[in-house]
C-alpha atoms as a PDB file:
ATOM      1  CA  MET A   1     -19.321 -21.617 -23.757  1.00  0.00           C
ATOM      2  CA  LYS A   2     -15.360 -23.248 -23.398  1.00  0.00           C
ATOM      3  CA  LYS A   3     -12.832 -21.987 -21.900  1.00  0.00           C
ATOM      4  CA  SER A   4      -9.326 -21.526 -23.825  1.00  0.00           C
ATOM      5  CA  THR A   5      -6.564 -23.377 -22.982  1.00  0.00           C
ATOM      6  CA  ALA A   6      -4.668 -20.192 -22.959  1.00  0.00           C
ATOM      7  CA  THR A   7      -7.082 -18.682 -20.780  1.00  0.00           C
ATOM      8  CA  ILE A   8      -7.400 -21.480 -18.108  1.00  0.00           C
ATOM      9  CA  ARG A   9      -3.306 -21.472 -18.094  1.00  0.00           C
ATOM     10  CA  GLU A  10      -3.142 -17.409 -17.466  1.00  0.00           C
ATOM     11  CA  LYS A  11      -5.675 -17.870 -14.632  1.00  0.00           C
ATOM     12  CA  ALA A  12      -3.857 -21.086 -13.197  1.00  0.00           C
ATOM     13  CA  GLU A  13      -0.360 -18.477 -13.374  1.00  0.00           C
ATOM     14  CA  LEU A  14      -2.164 -15.838 -11.399  1.00  0.00           C
ATOM     15  CA  ILE A  15      -0.851 -14.982  -8.019  1.00  0.00           C
ATOM     16  CA  ALA A  16      -4.214 -13.707  -6.600  1.00  0.00           C
ATOM     17  CA  ASP A  17      -7.020 -14.933  -8.237  1.00  0.00           C
ATOM     18  CA  ASP A  18     -10.834 -13.970  -8.154  1.00  0.00           C
ATOM     19  CA  GLN A  19     -10.923 -15.450  -4.835  1.00  0.00           C
ATOM     20  CA  THR A  20      -7.985 -13.991  -3.236  1.00  0.00           C
ATOM     21  CA  TRP A  21      -9.263 -10.713  -3.694  1.00  0.00           C
ATOM     22  CA  LEU A  22     -12.540 -11.212  -2.862  1.00  0.00           C
ATOM     23  CA  ASN A  23     -10.774 -13.154   0.242  1.00  0.00           C
ATOM     24  CA  ILE A  24      -9.112  -9.525   1.044  1.00  0.00           C
ATOM     25  CA  LEU A  25     -11.988  -7.212   0.378  1.00  0.00           C
ATOM     26  CA  GLU A  26     -14.615  -9.083   2.087  1.00  0.00           C
ATOM     27  CA  PRO A  27     -16.363  -8.247   4.354  1.00  0.00           C
ATOM     28  CA  GLU A  28     -14.694  -4.818   5.873  1.00  0.00           C
ATOM     29  CA  LEU A  29     -12.699  -3.079   2.853  1.00  0.00           C
ATOM     30  CA  CYS A  30     -15.871  -3.547   0.666  1.00  0.00           C
ATOM     31  CA  LYS A  31     -18.353  -1.795   3.347  1.00  0.00           C
ATOM     32  CA  ASP A  32     -16.155   1.341   2.541  1.00  0.00           C
ATOM     33  CA  PRO A  33     -16.598   2.338  -1.116  1.00  0.00           C
ATOM     34  CA  ALA A  34     -14.154   5.509  -0.834  1.00  0.00           C
ATOM     35  CA  ALA A  35     -11.662   2.856   0.297  1.00  0.00           C
ATOM     36  CA  VAL A  36     -12.354   0.001  -2.601  1.00  0.00           C
ATOM     37  CA  GLU A  37     -11.994   2.826  -5.241  1.00  0.00           C
ATOM     38  CA  CYS A  38      -8.626   4.301  -3.659  1.00  0.00           C
ATOM     39  CA  LEU A  39      -7.252   0.373  -3.624  1.00  0.00           C
ATOM     40  CA  ALA A  40      -8.664   0.468  -7.283  1.00  0.00           C
ATOM     41  CA  ARG A  41      -6.736   3.295  -8.466  1.00  0.00           C
ATOM     42  CA  LEU A  42      -3.556   2.388  -6.442  1.00  0.00           C
ATOM     43  CA  LEU A  43      -3.872  -0.637  -8.355  1.00  0.00           C
ATOM     44  CA  PHE A  44      -4.282   1.170 -11.516  1.00  0.00           C
ATOM     45  CA  MET A  45      -1.132   3.243 -10.849  1.00  0.00           C
ATOM     46  CA  ILE A  46       1.166   0.372 -10.197  1.00  0.00           C
ATOM     47  CA  LYS A  47       0.079  -1.491 -13.334  1.00  0.00           C
ATOM     48  CA  LYS A  48       0.656   1.828 -14.988  1.00  0.00           C
ATOM     49  CA  GLU A  49       3.996   2.088 -13.676  1.00  0.00           C
ATOM     50  CA  ILE A  50       4.842  -1.580 -14.447  1.00  0.00           C
ATOM     51  CA  ASN A  51       3.863  -1.254 -18.101  1.00  0.00           C
ATOM     52  CA  SER A  52       6.208   2.168 -18.506  1.00  0.00           C
ATOM     53  CA  GLY A  53       9.535  -0.182 -18.479  1.00  0.00           C
ATOM     54  CA  ASN A  54      12.247  -0.366 -15.881  1.00  0.00           C
ATOM     55  CA  LYS A  55      11.995   2.891 -14.101  1.00  0.00           C
ATOM     56  CA  GLY A  56       8.448   2.197 -13.678  1.00  0.00           C
ATOM     57  CA  ILE A  57       9.092  -1.191 -12.793  1.00  0.00           C
ATOM     58  CA  LYS A  58      11.430   0.156  -9.846  1.00  0.00           C
ATOM     59  CA  ARG A  59       8.598   2.955  -9.263  1.00  0.00           C
ATOM     60  CA  ALA A  60       6.127  -0.039  -8.733  1.00  0.00           C
ATOM     61  CA  SER A  61       8.646  -1.691  -6.579  1.00  0.00           C
ATOM     62  CA  GLU A  62       9.225   0.905  -4.274  1.00  0.00           C
ATOM     63  CA  ILE A  63       5.321   1.865  -3.814  1.00  0.00           C
ATOM     64  CA  LEU A  64       4.519  -1.814  -2.912  1.00  0.00           C
ATOM     65  CA  SER A  65       7.263  -1.720  -0.081  1.00  0.00           C
ATOM     66  CA  LYS A  66       6.143   1.424   1.305  1.00  0.00           C
ATOM     67  CA  GLY A  67       2.620  -0.312   0.973  1.00  0.00           C
ATOM     68  CA  ILE A  68       3.860  -3.440   2.695  1.00  0.00           C
ATOM     69  CA  GLU A  69       5.734  -1.272   5.876  1.00  0.00           C
ATOM     70  CA  VAL A  70       2.326   0.546   6.492  1.00  0.00           C
ATOM     71  CA  ILE A  71       0.341  -2.601   6.384  1.00  0.00           C
ATOM     72  CA  TYR A  72       2.310  -4.180   8.911  1.00  0.00           C
ATOM     73  CA  LEU A  73       1.422  -1.928  11.691  1.00  0.00           C
ATOM     74  CA  TYR A  74      -1.862  -3.373  11.268  1.00  0.00           C
ATOM     75  CA  THR A  75      -1.205  -6.976  11.715  1.00  0.00           C
ATOM     76  CA  ASN A  76      -1.305  -9.366  14.418  1.00  0.00           C
ATOM     77  CA  THR A  77       2.395  -9.600  14.063  1.00  0.00           C
ATOM     78  CA  HIS A  78       3.006  -5.795  14.959  1.00  0.00           C
ATOM     79  CA  LYS A  79       0.759  -6.264  18.212  1.00  0.00           C
ATOM     80  CA  ALA A  80       2.915  -9.075  19.005  1.00  0.00           C
ATOM     81  CA  ALA A  81       6.113  -7.322  18.854  1.00  0.00           C
ATOM     82  CA  LEU A  82       4.777  -4.101  20.117  1.00  0.00           C
ATOM     83  CA  GLU A  83       3.933  -6.729  23.129  1.00  0.00           C
ATOM     84  CA  LEU A  84       6.926  -8.378  23.107  1.00  0.00           C
ATOM     85  CA  TYR A  85       8.813  -5.035  23.454  1.00  0.00           C
ATOM     86  CA  VAL A  86       6.496  -3.502  26.270  1.00  0.00           C
ATOM     87  CA  LEU A  87       7.735  -6.808  28.131  1.00  0.00           C
ATOM     88  CA  SER A  88      11.006  -5.934  27.480  1.00  0.00           C
ATOM     89  CA  LEU A  89      11.108  -2.553  28.810  1.00  0.00           C
ATOM     90  CA  GLU A  90       9.118  -3.892  32.086  1.00  0.00           C
ATOM     91  CA  GLY A  91      12.465  -6.051  32.306  1.00  0.00           C
ATOM     92  CA  GLU A  92       9.957  -8.890  32.438  1.00  0.00           C
ATOM     93  CA  LEU A  93      11.901 -11.192  29.908  1.00  0.00           C
ATOM     94  CA  LYS A  94      14.971 -13.426  29.778  1.00  0.00           C
ATOM     95  CA  PRO A  95      18.131 -12.258  28.153  1.00  0.00           C
ATOM     96  CA  GLU A  96      17.067 -14.752  25.336  1.00  0.00           C
ATOM     97  CA  ASP A  97      14.029 -13.953  24.848  1.00  0.00           C
ATOM     98  CA  GLU A  98      14.288 -10.051  24.448  1.00  0.00           C
ATOM     99  CA  PRO A  99      13.565  -8.861  21.330  1.00  0.00           C
ATOM    100  CA  LEU A 100      16.371  -7.876  19.286  1.00  0.00           C
ATOM    101  CA  ASN A 101      17.755 -11.659  20.421  1.00  0.00           C
ATOM    102  CA  LEU A 102      14.470 -13.290  19.296  1.00  0.00           C
ATOM    103  CA  ILE A 103      14.530 -11.157  15.635  1.00  0.00           C
ATOM    104  CA  ASN A 104      18.009 -11.404  15.139  1.00  0.00           C
ATOM    105  CA  ALA A 105      17.876 -15.408  15.520  1.00  0.00           C
ATOM    106  CA  ALA A 106      15.079 -15.487  13.087  1.00  0.00           C
ATOM    107  CA  ILE A 107      16.333 -13.667  10.505  1.00  0.00           C
ATOM    108  CA  GLU A 108      19.795 -15.737  10.541  1.00  0.00           C
ATOM    109  CA  ARG A 109      18.007 -18.707  10.442  1.00  0.00           C
ATOM    110  CA  GLY A 110      15.712 -17.496   7.570  1.00  0.00           C
ATOM    111  CA  LYS A 111      18.953 -16.323   5.673  1.00  0.00           C
ATOM    112  CA  GLY A 112      20.092 -19.632   5.895  1.00  0.00           C
ATOM    113  CA  THR A 113      17.149 -21.752   4.303  1.00  0.00           C
ATOM    114  CA  THR A 114      17.466 -18.851   1.396  1.00  0.00           C
ATOM    115  CA  GLU A 115      21.026 -19.328   0.806  1.00  0.00           C
ATOM    116  CA  ASN A 116      20.774 -23.220   0.583  1.00  0.00           C
END
């Protein structure tokens, strides 16, 4: 069976294709069917919000932003930031390596690239 050009184009435009989802879900999340069910329900609700119009789009964006904040706590970036913070509390860092100095400098550099 030959795929239509429209179907191929739609798949190419997806931000997360089937393989991306599998890479995210496997192997750990798929070991917990209840967690997968919960994720499916959350995604469905986000889709429903987006399809409901402008207010729903805003709510969906807020849901995703909150999810990003929560997920951050489980990242290697968070673990490294915490380790850096503890080193700062212990007085083990040079002033230029203090967390706030490093973070603010990176934010300024990042803002500079998005403003160009």
